[in-house]
Amino acid sequence: MSWTDFVDRYSPSPSSGGLRLGSWSMTEGRAGLHDYDAILEFDGRTRAFRTSGPGPIGALTAVLHEAGRSIEILSFHQQPVTEGTATFVHCEHDGRRHWAMAISDRPTDSALRAVIAAANILTDR
């Protein structure tokens, strides 16, 4: 499989799926939890979300659940690459499983993008 075909299959561009992460921010919360604010776009409509949790991936999956696009992360792997960090996630939605990936210069951004790619692959309506 060519690199282009691999990226098309496992890391679709945000414009090819109905879900986009517009913005993501974290503030220190209480008792080891953080507060997360997200702006997500669903098929051109923008929604704001706020959630709390110990980490960004759990917070994003909570936001996706609230938005009606629940996914379960079965495997999560990160590794350094020339461009920064590659994140690979194996996710499930309604009995369907698929791998997704993303690369970014920041590990958290790479992870968030990989989860969004998985949500687009598995839940795109």
Protein backbone atom coordinates (compact mmCIF):
# COMPACT_ATOMS: atom_id res chain seq x y z
CA MET A 1 0.00 0.00 0.00
CA SER A 2 1.39 3.41 -0.87
CA TRP A 3 1.81 6.07 1.82
CA THR A 4 -0.96 8.12 0.17
CA ASP A 5 -3.35 5.15 0.25
CA PHE A 6 -2.38 4.43 3.88
CA VAL A 7 -3.09 8.02 4.94
CA ASP A 8 -6.39 8.07 3.03
CA ARG A 9 -7.50 4.89 4.78
CA TYR A 10 -6.24 5.46 8.35
CA SER A 11 -5.98 9.22 8.65
CA PRO A 12 -8.67 10.83 6.52
CA SER A 13 -8.40 14.58 6.25
CA PRO A 14 -10.79 16.54 8.46
CA SER A 15 -12.56 17.79 5.37
CA SER A 16 -13.43 14.23 4.30
CA GLY A 17 -15.30 13.39 7.51
CA GLY A 18 -18.30 15.01 9.08
CA LEU A 19 -16.47 15.69 12.35
CA ARG A 20 -13.73 18.28 12.92
CA LEU A 21 -11.97 19.44 16.04
CA GLY A 22 -12.15 23.23 15.86
CA SER A 23 -10.30 24.00 19.09
CA TRP A 24 -9.20 22.31 22.29
CA SER A 25 -8.01 23.86 25.54
CA MET A 26 -7.24 22.68 29.05
CA THR A 27 -7.27 24.47 32.39
CA GLU A 28 -6.19 23.15 35.76
CA GLY A 29 -9.13 21.77 37.66
CA ARG A 30 -9.58 20.38 41.14
CA ALA A 31 -8.33 17.16 42.74
CA GLY A 32 -6.07 16.12 39.88
CA LEU A 33 -8.71 16.69 37.21
CA HIS A 34 -8.52 19.17 34.36
CA ASP A 35 -11.25 21.12 32.64
CA TYR A 36 -11.38 20.79 28.86
CA ASP A 37 -13.18 23.04 26.41
CA ALA A 38 -13.72 21.85 22.86
CA ILE A 39 -15.29 23.24 19.74
CA LEU A 40 -16.41 20.49 17.37
CA GLU A 41 -17.89 20.87 13.93
CA PHE A 42 -20.44 18.31 12.76
CA ASP A 43 -21.29 18.52 9.08
CA GLY A 44 -20.76 22.29 9.12
CA ARG A 45 -22.51 22.95 12.46
CA THR A 46 -20.41 24.12 15.40
CA ARG A 47 -20.96 22.99 19.00
CA ALA A 48 -19.08 23.86 22.18
CA PHE A 49 -18.42 21.26 24.87
CA ARG A 50 -16.93 21.33 28.37
CA THR A 51 -15.86 18.30 30.36
CA SER A 52 -13.52 17.38 33.20
CA GLY A 53 -11.14 14.47 33.52
CA PRO A 54 -7.60 13.39 34.29
CA GLY A 55 -6.46 13.37 30.65
CA PRO A 56 -7.28 14.71 27.21
CA ILE A 57 -8.10 11.39 25.51
CA GLY A 58 -10.70 10.40 28.11
CA ALA A 59 -12.11 13.91 27.93
CA LEU A 60 -12.39 13.76 24.13
CA THR A 61 -14.13 10.38 24.19
CA ALA A 62 -16.58 11.83 26.77
CA VAL A 63 -17.26 14.77 24.45
CA LEU A 64 -17.77 12.40 21.51
CA HIS A 65 -20.20 10.34 23.59
CA GLU A 66 -22.16 13.48 24.52
CA ALA A 67 -22.25 14.39 20.83
CA GLY A 68 -23.69 10.99 19.88
CA ARG A 69 -20.48 9.61 18.33
CA SER A 70 -19.27 7.23 21.03
CA ILE A 71 -16.15 5.23 20.34
CA GLU A 72 -14.16 2.91 22.54
CA ILE A 73 -10.38 2.95 22.32
CA LEU A 74 -9.09 -0.63 22.30
CA SER A 75 -5.40 0.12 21.67
CA PHE A 76 -3.33 3.29 21.81
CA HIS A 77 0.27 3.62 20.59
CA GLN A 78 2.53 6.62 20.12
CA GLN A 79 6.00 6.81 18.66
CA PRO A 80 8.38 9.56 17.65
CA VAL A 81 8.74 10.18 13.92
CA THR A 82 10.59 12.79 11.90
CA GLU A 83 7.52 15.07 11.86
CA GLY A 84 6.97 14.81 15.65
CA THR A 85 4.70 12.10 17.10
CA ALA A 86 2.62 9.45 15.36
CA THR A 87 -0.42 8.16 17.23
CA PHE A 88 -2.19 4.94 16.28
CA VAL A 89 -5.56 4.04 17.82
CA HIS A 90 -7.67 0.92 17.38
CA CYS A 91 -11.27 1.85 18.11
CA GLU A 92 -14.72 0.31 18.13
CA HIS A 93 -18.22 1.67 17.49
CA ASP A 94 -21.35 -0.52 17.31
CA GLY A 95 -19.30 -3.69 16.81
CA ARG A 96 -17.15 -2.24 14.02
CA ARG A 97 -13.42 -1.88 14.62
CA HIS A 98 -10.86 0.15 12.74
CA TRP A 99 -7.37 1.58 13.14
CA ALA A 100 -6.76 5.30 12.72
CA MET A 101 -3.63 7.43 12.94
CA ALA A 102 -2.39 10.99 13.02
CA ILE A 103 0.96 12.76 13.06
CA SER A 104 1.65 16.10 14.70
CA ASP A 105 4.55 17.99 16.21
CA ARG A 106 2.80 17.77 19.62
CA PRO A 107 1.93 14.38 21.19
CA THR A 108 -1.43 15.51 22.59
CA ASP A 109 -2.48 17.04 19.28
CA SER A 110 -1.46 13.84 17.48
CA ALA A 111 -3.59 11.77 19.89
CA LEU A 112 -6.63 14.03 19.59
CA ARG A 113 -6.40 13.99 15.79
CA ALA A 114 -6.11 10.18 15.73
CA VAL A 115 -9.26 9.82 17.87
CA ILE A 116 -11.13 12.27 15.62
CA ALA A 117 -9.97 10.28 12.56
CA ALA A 118 -11.29 7.09 14.19
CA ALA A 119 -14.62 8.78 14.96
CA ASN A 120 -14.90 9.91 11.34
CA ILE A 121 -14.10 6.44 10.02
CA LEU A 122 -16.46 4.60 12.38
CA THR A 123 -19.36 7.01 12.93
CA ASP A 124 -19.56 9.19 9.84
CA ARG A 125 -23.19 9.49 8.91
